[in-house]
Amino acid sequence: MEIVGGTPPFRYERGRAMTNDVQVVGDIPAETREAVTGVVRALERAFNAKDPDALGGQYARDSSWTNAMGRTLGGREEITEFSRPAMKGFLKDSRARYEIVRMLAVAPEVIAVNVAQTPVDASGEPVRAPHGRALYVIARREDGWKIVAGQNSAIDPPTD
């Protein structure tokens, strides 16, 4: 096992690194891990604030996104406009905690990210409701790190 500098330290074992509970597969520099995590955190904040402009701003202009209902949206503008009424309607009382589970180096400056979405109440406590599992492909673009493709799946809440 090799310890690599950075905060927190990354442990490499059998070609895979674990950071807290995030599995990192491939050579992903610390700056890239931080940038990708920043995109996911900004997406989470935008969703919980019900801010469709901030949410759409995390996507590339030419992105592709398939939501949990199976609808595919093309590009930042369409994602933003679809989110506007959804956030005022059926999502208005929804909040979620986004936890990065895995990062996979796909190509230089292209990272696939698996995210577990846990529904929470206003205080951040988990609630019994469908969970989400998302796959984001995040890449460096001219305007920064952006989601270029993604898909979200709704899953039943865990049984206790």
N, C-alpha and C. Protein backbone atom coordinates (compact mmCIF):
# COMPACT_ATOMS: atom_id res chain seq x y z
N MET A 1 0.85 -1.16 0.00
CA MET A 1 0.00 0.00 0.00
C MET A 1 0.90 1.23 0.00
N GLU A 2 0.60 2.18 -0.87
CA GLU A 2 1.38 3.40 -0.98
C GLU A 2 0.55 4.57 -0.46
N ILE A 3 1.13 5.39 0.39
CA ILE A 3 0.45 6.59 0.89
C ILE A 3 0.90 7.76 0.04
N VAL A 4 -0.06 8.51 -0.47
CA VAL A 4 0.22 9.65 -1.33
C VAL A 4 -0.20 10.91 -0.60
N GLY A 5 0.56 11.99 -0.76
CA GLY A 5 0.24 13.24 -0.08
C GLY A 5 -1.10 13.80 -0.48
N GLY A 6 -1.60 14.74 0.28
CA GLY A 6 -2.89 15.35 0.02
C GLY A 6 -3.76 15.22 1.24
N THR A 7 -4.85 15.94 1.25
CA THR A 7 -5.77 15.89 2.38
C THR A 7 -7.11 15.43 1.89
N PRO A 8 -7.67 14.34 2.38
CA PRO A 8 -7.02 13.39 3.26
C PRO A 8 -6.03 12.54 2.46
N PRO A 9 -5.17 11.77 3.14
CA PRO A 9 -4.24 10.93 2.38
C PRO A 9 -5.01 9.86 1.61
N PHE A 10 -4.45 9.48 0.48
CA PHE A 10 -5.06 8.48 -0.37
C PHE A 10 -4.26 7.19 -0.25
N ARG A 11 -4.93 6.09 -0.01
CA ARG A 11 -4.30 4.79 0.12
C ARG A 11 -4.53 4.02 -1.18
N TYR A 12 -3.47 3.53 -1.78
CA TYR A 12 -3.59 2.75 -3.00
C TYR A 12 -3.42 1.28 -2.65
N GLU A 13 -4.36 0.48 -3.09
CA GLU A 13 -4.30 -0.94 -2.83
C GLU A 13 -4.86 -1.67 -4.04
N ARG A 14 -4.06 -2.53 -4.64
CA ARG A 14 -4.47 -3.28 -5.82
C ARG A 14 -5.00 -2.37 -6.92
N GLY A 15 -4.33 -1.25 -7.15
CA GLY A 15 -4.71 -0.35 -8.24
C GLY A 15 -5.89 0.54 -7.93
N ARG A 16 -6.36 0.52 -6.70
CA ARG A 16 -7.52 1.34 -6.34
C ARG A 16 -7.18 2.14 -5.10
N ALA A 17 -7.73 3.33 -5.01
CA ALA A 17 -7.49 4.17 -3.84
C ALA A 17 -8.80 4.39 -3.12
N MET A 18 -8.74 4.49 -1.81
CA MET A 18 -9.93 4.81 -1.03
C MET A 18 -9.67 6.13 -0.31
N THR A 19 -10.61 7.07 -0.40
CA THR A 19 -10.51 8.32 0.33
C THR A 19 -11.78 8.38 1.15
N ASN A 20 -11.65 8.28 2.45
CA ASN A 20 -12.82 8.10 3.30
C ASN A 20 -13.56 6.90 2.74
N ASP A 21 -14.77 7.08 2.23
CA ASP A 21 -15.50 5.97 1.65
C ASP A 21 -15.61 6.08 0.13
N VAL A 22 -14.78 6.89 -0.49
CA VAL A 22 -14.80 7.07 -1.94
C VAL A 22 -13.74 6.17 -2.56
N GLN A 23 -14.17 5.34 -3.49
CA GLN A 23 -13.22 4.49 -4.21
C GLN A 23 -12.73 5.29 -5.42
N VAL A 24 -11.41 5.41 -5.54
CA VAL A 24 -10.80 6.13 -6.66
C VAL A 24 -10.06 5.11 -7.50
N VAL A 25 -10.47 4.97 -8.77
CA VAL A 25 -9.88 3.99 -9.67
C VAL A 25 -9.13 4.73 -10.76
N GLY A 26 -7.85 4.45 -10.87
CA GLY A 26 -7.01 5.12 -11.86
C GLY A 26 -6.25 6.26 -11.23
N ASP A 27 -5.45 6.90 -12.05
CA ASP A 27 -4.61 8.00 -11.59
C ASP A 27 -5.38 9.30 -11.73
N ILE A 28 -5.95 9.76 -10.62
CA ILE A 28 -6.72 11.01 -10.62
C ILE A 28 -6.01 11.98 -9.68
N PRO A 29 -5.39 13.03 -10.21
CA PRO A 29 -4.67 13.98 -9.37
C PRO A 29 -5.58 14.61 -8.31
N ALA A 30 -4.99 15.01 -7.20
CA ALA A 30 -5.75 15.61 -6.10
C ALA A 30 -6.56 16.82 -6.57
N GLU A 31 -5.97 17.65 -7.45
CA GLU A 31 -6.70 18.84 -7.92
C GLU A 31 -7.94 18.43 -8.70
N THR A 32 -7.84 17.35 -9.45
CA THR A 32 -8.98 16.86 -10.23
C THR A 32 -10.05 16.31 -9.29
N ARG A 33 -9.63 15.52 -8.29
CA ARG A 33 -10.60 14.99 -7.32
C ARG A 33 -11.34 16.13 -6.64
N GLU A 34 -10.62 17.17 -6.27
CA GLU A 34 -11.24 18.33 -5.62
C GLU A 34 -12.21 19.04 -6.56
N ALA A 35 -11.83 19.22 -7.82
CA ALA A 35 -12.70 19.90 -8.79
C ALA A 35 -13.97 19.10 -9.03
N VAL A 36 -13.83 17.80 -9.21
CA VAL A 36 -14.99 16.94 -9.46
C VAL A 36 -15.91 16.93 -8.24
N THR A 37 -15.34 16.83 -7.05
CA THR A 37 -16.13 16.88 -5.82
C THR A 37 -16.86 18.22 -5.72
N GLY A 38 -16.20 19.30 -6.13
CA GLY A 38 -16.83 20.62 -6.12
C GLY A 38 -18.06 20.69 -7.01
N VAL A 39 -18.01 20.04 -8.18
CA VAL A 39 -19.17 20.01 -9.08
C VAL A 39 -20.33 19.29 -8.41
N VAL A 40 -20.05 18.14 -7.80
CA VAL A 40 -21.12 17.38 -7.13
C VAL A 40 -21.70 18.16 -5.95
N ARG A 41 -20.84 18.80 -5.17
CA ARG A 41 -21.32 19.61 -4.03
C ARG A 41 -22.17 20.79 -4.51
N ALA A 42 -21.74 21.44 -5.58
CA ALA A 42 -22.52 22.56 -6.12
C ALA A 42 -23.87 22.09 -6.64
N LEU A 43 -23.90 20.92 -7.25
CA LEU A 43 -25.16 20.35 -7.74
C LEU A 43 -26.09 20.06 -6.57
N GLU A 44 -25.55 19.48 -5.50
CA GLU A 44 -26.34 19.20 -4.30
C GLU A 44 -26.90 20.50 -3.70
N ARG A 45 -26.07 21.51 -3.57
CA ARG A 45 -26.54 22.80 -3.02
C ARG A 45 -27.63 23.40 -3.88
N ALA A 46 -27.46 23.35 -5.19
CA ALA A 46 -28.46 23.91 -6.10
C ALA A 46 -29.78 23.15 -6.00
N PHE A 47 -29.71 21.81 -5.93
CA PHE A 47 -30.93 21.01 -5.80
C PHE A 47 -31.64 21.36 -4.50
N ASN A 48 -30.93 21.40 -3.40
CA ASN A 48 -31.55 21.67 -2.11
C ASN A 48 -32.05 23.10 -1.98
N ALA A 49 -31.44 24.03 -2.69
CA ALA A 49 -31.89 25.43 -2.69
C ALA A 49 -33.00 25.67 -3.71
N LYS A 50 -33.28 24.66 -4.52
CA LYS A 50 -34.27 24.76 -5.60
C LYS A 50 -33.92 25.90 -6.55
N ASP A 51 -32.64 25.92 -6.96
CA ASP A 51 -32.10 26.95 -7.84
C ASP A 51 -31.77 26.32 -9.19
N PRO A 52 -32.72 26.36 -10.14
CA PRO A 52 -32.49 25.70 -11.43
C PRO A 52 -31.33 26.30 -12.22
N ASP A 53 -31.07 27.59 -12.06
CA ASP A 53 -29.95 28.20 -12.79
C ASP A 53 -28.61 27.68 -12.28
N ALA A 54 -28.47 27.59 -10.96
CA ALA A 54 -27.23 27.06 -10.39
C ALA A 54 -27.09 25.58 -10.72
N LEU A 55 -28.20 24.84 -10.70
CA LEU A 55 -28.17 23.43 -11.06
C LEU A 55 -27.73 23.27 -12.51
N GLY A 56 -28.37 23.97 -13.42
CA GLY A 56 -28.02 23.90 -14.83
C GLY A 56 -26.59 24.34 -15.11
N GLY A 57 -26.10 25.24 -14.29
CA GLY A 57 -24.73 25.73 -14.46
C GLY A 57 -23.67 24.68 -14.23
N GLN A 58 -24.03 23.56 -13.63
CA GLN A 58 -23.06 22.49 -13.40
C GLN A 58 -22.91 21.58 -14.63
N TYR A 59 -23.81 21.76 -15.61
CA TYR A 59 -23.79 20.94 -16.82
C TYR A 59 -23.11 21.68 -17.96
N ALA A 60 -22.46 20.93 -18.82
CA ALA A 60 -21.84 21.51 -20.03
C ALA A 60 -22.95 21.97 -20.97
N ARG A 61 -22.62 22.93 -21.80
CA ARG A 61 -23.61 23.45 -22.78
C ARG A 61 -24.19 22.33 -23.64
N ASP A 62 -23.34 21.35 -23.99
CA ASP A 62 -23.76 20.28 -24.90
C ASP A 62 -23.90 18.93 -24.18
N SER A 63 -24.34 18.96 -22.93
CA SER A 63 -24.44 17.74 -22.13
C SER A 63 -25.67 16.90 -22.49
N SER A 64 -25.68 15.69 -21.97
CA SER A 64 -26.82 14.80 -22.11
C SER A 64 -27.15 14.25 -20.73
N TRP A 65 -28.41 14.32 -20.35
CA TRP A 65 -28.83 13.89 -19.01
C TRP A 65 -30.11 13.10 -19.13
N THR A 66 -30.16 11.92 -18.48
CA THR A 66 -31.39 11.14 -18.39
C THR A 66 -31.80 11.12 -16.94
N ASN A 67 -33.02 11.63 -16.67
CA ASN A 67 -33.46 11.73 -15.28
C ASN A 67 -34.03 10.40 -14.80
N ALA A 68 -34.44 10.37 -13.54
CA ALA A 68 -34.91 9.12 -12.92
C ALA A 68 -36.21 8.61 -13.54
N MET A 69 -36.93 9.46 -14.28
CA MET A 69 -38.15 9.03 -14.96
C MET A 69 -37.86 8.52 -16.37
N GLY A 70 -36.58 8.57 -16.78
CA GLY A 70 -36.19 8.08 -18.09
C GLY A 70 -36.23 9.12 -19.19
N ARG A 71 -36.46 10.38 -18.84
CA ARG A 71 -36.49 11.44 -19.86
C ARG A 71 -35.07 11.94 -20.10
N THR A 72 -34.68 11.98 -21.37
CA THR A 72 -33.36 12.47 -21.74
C THR A 72 -33.44 13.93 -22.14
N LEU A 73 -32.56 14.72 -21.55
CA LEU A 73 -32.50 16.15 -21.82
C LEU A 73 -31.16 16.46 -22.45
N GLY A 74 -31.15 17.38 -23.41
CA GLY A 74 -29.93 17.71 -24.12
C GLY A 74 -29.49 19.13 -23.89
N GLY A 75 -28.39 19.30 -23.21
CA GLY A 75 -27.78 20.62 -23.04
C GLY A 75 -28.20 21.33 -21.77
N ARG A 76 -27.33 22.24 -21.36
CA ARG A 76 -27.52 23.01 -20.14
C ARG A 76 -28.85 23.76 -20.14
N GLU A 77 -29.19 24.39 -21.25
CA GLU A 77 -30.42 25.19 -21.30
C GLU A 77 -31.66 24.32 -21.09
N GLU A 78 -31.73 23.18 -21.77
CA GLU A 78 -32.90 22.31 -21.60
C GLU A 78 -32.98 21.75 -20.18
N ILE A 79 -31.84 21.39 -19.59
CA ILE A 79 -31.82 20.88 -18.22
C ILE A 79 -32.32 21.95 -17.26
N THR A 80 -31.84 23.18 -17.44
CA THR A 80 -32.26 24.28 -16.59
C THR A 80 -33.76 24.54 -16.71
N GLU A 81 -34.25 24.61 -17.94
CA GLU A 81 -35.67 24.91 -18.15
C GLU A 81 -36.58 23.78 -17.67
N PHE A 82 -36.15 22.53 -17.80
CA PHE A 82 -36.92 21.41 -17.27
C PHE A 82 -36.96 21.47 -15.74
N SER A 83 -35.85 21.87 -15.14
CA SER A 83 -35.75 21.90 -13.67
C SER A 83 -36.60 23.00 -13.04
N ARG A 84 -36.81 24.09 -13.76
CA ARG A 84 -37.53 25.24 -13.20
C ARG A 84 -38.91 24.84 -12.67
N PRO A 85 -39.82 24.29 -13.48
CA PRO A 85 -41.13 23.92 -12.94
C PRO A 85 -41.07 22.70 -12.02
N ALA A 86 -40.13 21.78 -12.26
CA ALA A 86 -40.02 20.60 -11.40
C ALA A 86 -39.69 21.01 -9.97
N MET A 87 -38.79 21.98 -9.82
CA MET A 87 -38.38 22.42 -8.48
C MET A 87 -39.48 23.20 -7.76
N LYS A 88 -40.37 23.79 -8.52
CA LYS A 88 -41.52 24.49 -7.91
C LYS A 88 -42.69 23.54 -7.71
N GLY A 89 -42.64 22.39 -8.38
CA GLY A 89 -43.73 21.43 -8.32
C GLY A 89 -43.38 20.21 -7.50
N PHE A 90 -43.24 19.07 -8.18
CA PHE A 90 -43.11 17.80 -7.47
C PHE A 90 -41.82 17.66 -6.65
N LEU A 91 -40.81 18.49 -6.90
CA LEU A 91 -39.56 18.42 -6.13
C LEU A 91 -39.46 19.49 -5.04
N LYS A 92 -40.49 20.33 -4.91
CA LYS A 92 -40.36 21.50 -4.03
C LYS A 92 -40.04 21.16 -2.58
N ASP A 93 -40.50 20.03 -2.08
CA ASP A 93 -40.23 19.65 -0.70
C ASP A 93 -39.13 18.60 -0.58
N SER A 94 -38.48 18.27 -1.68
CA SER A 94 -37.44 17.24 -1.67
C SER A 94 -36.08 17.85 -1.37
N ARG A 95 -35.33 17.15 -0.55
CA ARG A 95 -33.94 17.50 -0.26
C ARG A 95 -33.15 16.20 -0.31
N ALA A 96 -31.86 16.33 -0.60
CA ALA A 96 -31.03 15.12 -0.67
C ALA A 96 -29.60 15.42 -0.27
N ARG A 97 -28.97 14.39 0.24
CA ARG A 97 -27.54 14.44 0.52
C ARG A 97 -26.87 13.62 -0.59
N TYR A 98 -25.87 14.20 -1.24
CA TYR A 98 -25.15 13.53 -2.32
C TYR A 98 -23.82 13.03 -1.76
N GLU A 99 -23.57 11.74 -1.92
CA GLU A 99 -22.32 11.15 -1.45
C GLU A 99 -21.60 10.48 -2.62
N ILE A 100 -20.42 10.94 -2.89
CA ILE A 100 -19.62 10.32 -3.95
C ILE A 100 -19.17 8.95 -3.45
N VAL A 101 -19.44 7.93 -4.26
CA VAL A 101 -19.09 6.57 -3.91
C VAL A 101 -17.82 6.14 -4.64
N ARG A 102 -17.71 6.55 -5.91
CA ARG A 102 -16.59 6.07 -6.74
C ARG A 102 -16.24 7.11 -7.79
N MET A 103 -14.95 7.26 -8.05
CA MET A 103 -14.44 8.05 -9.16
C MET A 103 -13.60 7.13 -10.03
N LEU A 104 -13.83 7.19 -11.33
CA LEU A 104 -13.10 6.36 -12.28
C LEU A 104 -12.48 7.25 -13.35
N ALA A 105 -11.17 7.17 -13.52
CA ALA A 105 -10.49 7.91 -14.58
C ALA A 105 -10.84 7.26 -15.91
N VAL A 106 -11.57 7.98 -16.76
CA VAL A 106 -11.98 7.46 -18.06
C VAL A 106 -10.95 7.85 -19.12
N ALA A 107 -10.49 9.08 -19.05
CA ALA A 107 -9.51 9.63 -19.98
C ALA A 107 -8.91 10.84 -19.26
N PRO A 108 -7.84 11.42 -19.79
CA PRO A 108 -7.33 12.63 -19.15
C PRO A 108 -8.44 13.68 -19.04
N GLU A 109 -8.63 14.16 -17.83
CA GLU A 109 -9.62 15.21 -17.53
C GLU A 109 -11.05 14.78 -17.82
N VAL A 110 -11.32 13.49 -17.73
CA VAL A 110 -12.68 12.95 -17.84
C VAL A 110 -12.85 11.90 -16.74
N ILE A 111 -13.78 12.16 -15.82
CA ILE A 111 -13.96 11.30 -14.66
C ILE A 111 -15.42 10.86 -14.57
N ALA A 112 -15.64 9.55 -14.44
CA ALA A 112 -16.98 9.01 -14.18
C ALA A 112 -17.15 8.97 -12.67
N VAL A 113 -18.29 9.45 -12.19
CA VAL A 113 -18.54 9.57 -10.75
C VAL A 113 -19.87 8.92 -10.40
N ASN A 114 -19.82 7.95 -9.50
CA ASN A 114 -21.04 7.35 -8.97
C ASN A 114 -21.42 8.08 -7.70
N VAL A 115 -22.69 8.48 -7.61
CA VAL A 115 -23.17 9.26 -6.47
C VAL A 115 -24.41 8.60 -5.89
N ALA A 116 -24.42 8.44 -4.56
CA ALA A 116 -25.60 7.97 -3.85
C ALA A 116 -26.34 9.19 -3.35
N GLN A 117 -27.63 9.26 -3.63
CA GLN A 117 -28.47 10.39 -3.21
C GLN A 117 -29.43 9.88 -2.14
N THR A 118 -29.31 10.43 -0.94
CA THR A 118 -30.15 10.04 0.18
C THR A 118 -31.14 11.15 0.48
N PRO A 119 -32.44 10.86 0.49
CA PRO A 119 -33.41 11.90 0.82
C PRO A 119 -33.28 12.28 2.29
N VAL A 120 -33.35 13.59 2.55
CA VAL A 120 -33.21 14.10 3.92
C VAL A 120 -34.29 15.15 4.17
N ASP A 121 -34.52 15.43 5.46
CA ASP A 121 -35.44 16.50 5.82
C ASP A 121 -34.66 17.82 5.88
N ALA A 122 -35.34 18.89 6.28
CA ALA A 122 -34.71 20.22 6.30
C ALA A 122 -33.51 20.29 7.24
N SER A 123 -33.48 19.41 8.25
CA SER A 123 -32.34 19.42 9.19
C SER A 123 -31.21 18.51 8.73
N GLY A 124 -31.41 17.80 7.58
CA GLY A 124 -30.37 16.93 7.06
C GLY A 124 -30.47 15.48 7.52
N GLU A 125 -31.53 15.16 8.27
CA GLU A 125 -31.73 13.79 8.73
C GLU A 125 -32.38 12.96 7.62
N PRO A 126 -31.91 11.73 7.41
CA PRO A 126 -32.50 10.87 6.38
C PRO A 126 -33.98 10.62 6.63
N VAL A 127 -34.74 10.53 5.54
CA VAL A 127 -36.17 10.22 5.61
C VAL A 127 -36.44 8.99 4.74
N ARG A 128 -37.54 8.34 5.02
CA ARG A 128 -37.90 7.15 4.24
C ARG A 128 -38.59 7.60 2.97
N ALA A 129 -37.88 7.48 1.88
CA ALA A 129 -38.37 7.87 0.55
C ALA A 129 -37.43 7.22 -0.46
N PRO A 130 -37.83 7.19 -1.73
CA PRO A 130 -36.92 6.63 -2.73
C PRO A 130 -35.57 7.36 -2.73
N HIS A 131 -34.53 6.57 -2.86
CA HIS A 131 -33.17 7.08 -2.95
C HIS A 131 -32.81 7.23 -4.43
N GLY A 132 -31.68 7.86 -4.70
CA GLY A 132 -31.20 7.98 -6.07
C GLY A 132 -29.79 7.44 -6.19
N ARG A 133 -29.48 6.97 -7.36
CA ARG A 133 -28.11 6.60 -7.71
C ARG A 133 -27.84 7.26 -9.05
N ALA A 134 -26.83 8.08 -9.07
CA ALA A 134 -26.51 8.82 -10.29
C ALA A 134 -25.12 8.46 -10.78
N LEU A 135 -24.97 8.52 -12.08
CA LEU A 135 -23.67 8.42 -12.72
C LEU A 135 -23.45 9.72 -13.48
N TYR A 136 -22.43 10.45 -13.10
CA TYR A 136 -22.07 11.68 -13.80
C TYR A 136 -20.74 11.46 -14.50
N VAL A 137 -20.63 11.93 -15.73
CA VAL A 137 -19.34 12.00 -16.41
C VAL A 137 -18.97 13.47 -16.38
N ILE A 138 -17.91 13.76 -15.67
CA ILE A 138 -17.49 15.16 -15.45
C ILE A 138 -16.16 15.37 -16.16
N ALA A 139 -16.10 16.44 -16.95
CA ALA A 139 -14.89 16.71 -17.74
C ALA A 139 -14.52 18.18 -17.66
N ARG A 140 -13.24 18.45 -17.87
CA ARG A 140 -12.80 19.85 -17.92
C ARG A 140 -13.19 20.41 -19.28
N ARG A 141 -13.90 21.53 -19.26
CA ARG A 141 -14.33 22.22 -20.47
C ARG A 141 -13.73 23.63 -20.44
N GLU A 142 -13.99 24.39 -21.48
CA GLU A 142 -13.47 25.77 -21.53
C GLU A 142 -13.94 26.59 -20.34
N ASP A 143 -15.17 26.32 -19.86
CA ASP A 143 -15.73 27.08 -18.75
C ASP A 143 -15.59 26.35 -17.41
N GLY A 144 -14.66 25.42 -17.31
CA GLY A 144 -14.40 24.73 -16.04
C GLY A 144 -14.86 23.29 -16.09
N TRP A 145 -14.86 22.64 -14.93
CA TRP A 145 -15.31 21.26 -14.81
C TRP A 145 -16.82 21.23 -14.85
N LYS A 146 -17.37 20.40 -15.74
CA LYS A 146 -18.83 20.34 -15.95
C LYS A 146 -19.27 18.90 -16.14
N ILE A 147 -20.54 18.65 -15.86
CA ILE A 147 -21.14 17.35 -16.16
C ILE A 147 -21.42 17.33 -17.66
N VAL A 148 -20.86 16.35 -18.36
CA VAL A 148 -21.07 16.25 -19.80
C VAL A 148 -22.12 15.19 -20.14
N ALA A 149 -22.30 14.23 -19.24
CA ALA A 149 -23.32 13.20 -19.43
C ALA A 149 -23.68 12.63 -18.07
N GLY A 150 -24.89 12.14 -17.98
CA GLY A 150 -25.29 11.54 -16.72
C GLY A 150 -26.61 10.83 -16.82
N GLN A 151 -26.87 10.05 -15.79
CA GLN A 151 -28.11 9.30 -15.69
C GLN A 151 -28.43 9.12 -14.22
N ASN A 152 -29.70 9.24 -13.87
CA ASN A 152 -30.14 9.10 -12.49
C ASN A 152 -31.14 7.95 -12.42
N SER A 153 -31.04 7.16 -11.37
CA SER A 153 -31.98 6.06 -11.15
C SER A 153 -32.61 6.21 -9.78
N ALA A 154 -33.92 6.05 -9.71
CA ALA A 154 -34.61 6.01 -8.43
C ALA A 154 -34.60 4.57 -7.93
N ILE A 155 -34.31 4.38 -6.66
CA ILE A 155 -34.33 3.05 -6.08
C ILE A 155 -35.16 3.08 -4.80
N ASP A 156 -35.71 1.94 -4.44
CA ASP A 156 -36.50 1.86 -3.22
C ASP A 156 -35.63 2.17 -2.02
N PRO A 157 -36.23 2.76 -0.97
CA PRO A 157 -35.45 3.00 0.25
C PRO A 157 -35.03 1.68 0.86
N PRO A 158 -33.92 1.69 1.58
CA PRO A 158 -33.48 0.46 2.25
C PRO A 158 -34.53 0.01 3.26
N THR A 159 -34.64 -1.29 3.44
CA THR A 159 -35.55 -1.80 4.46
C THR A 159 -34.81 -1.89 5.78
N ASP A 160 -35.51 -1.58 6.82
CA ASP A 160 -34.86 -1.61 8.16
C ASP A 160 -35.03 -2.94 8.82
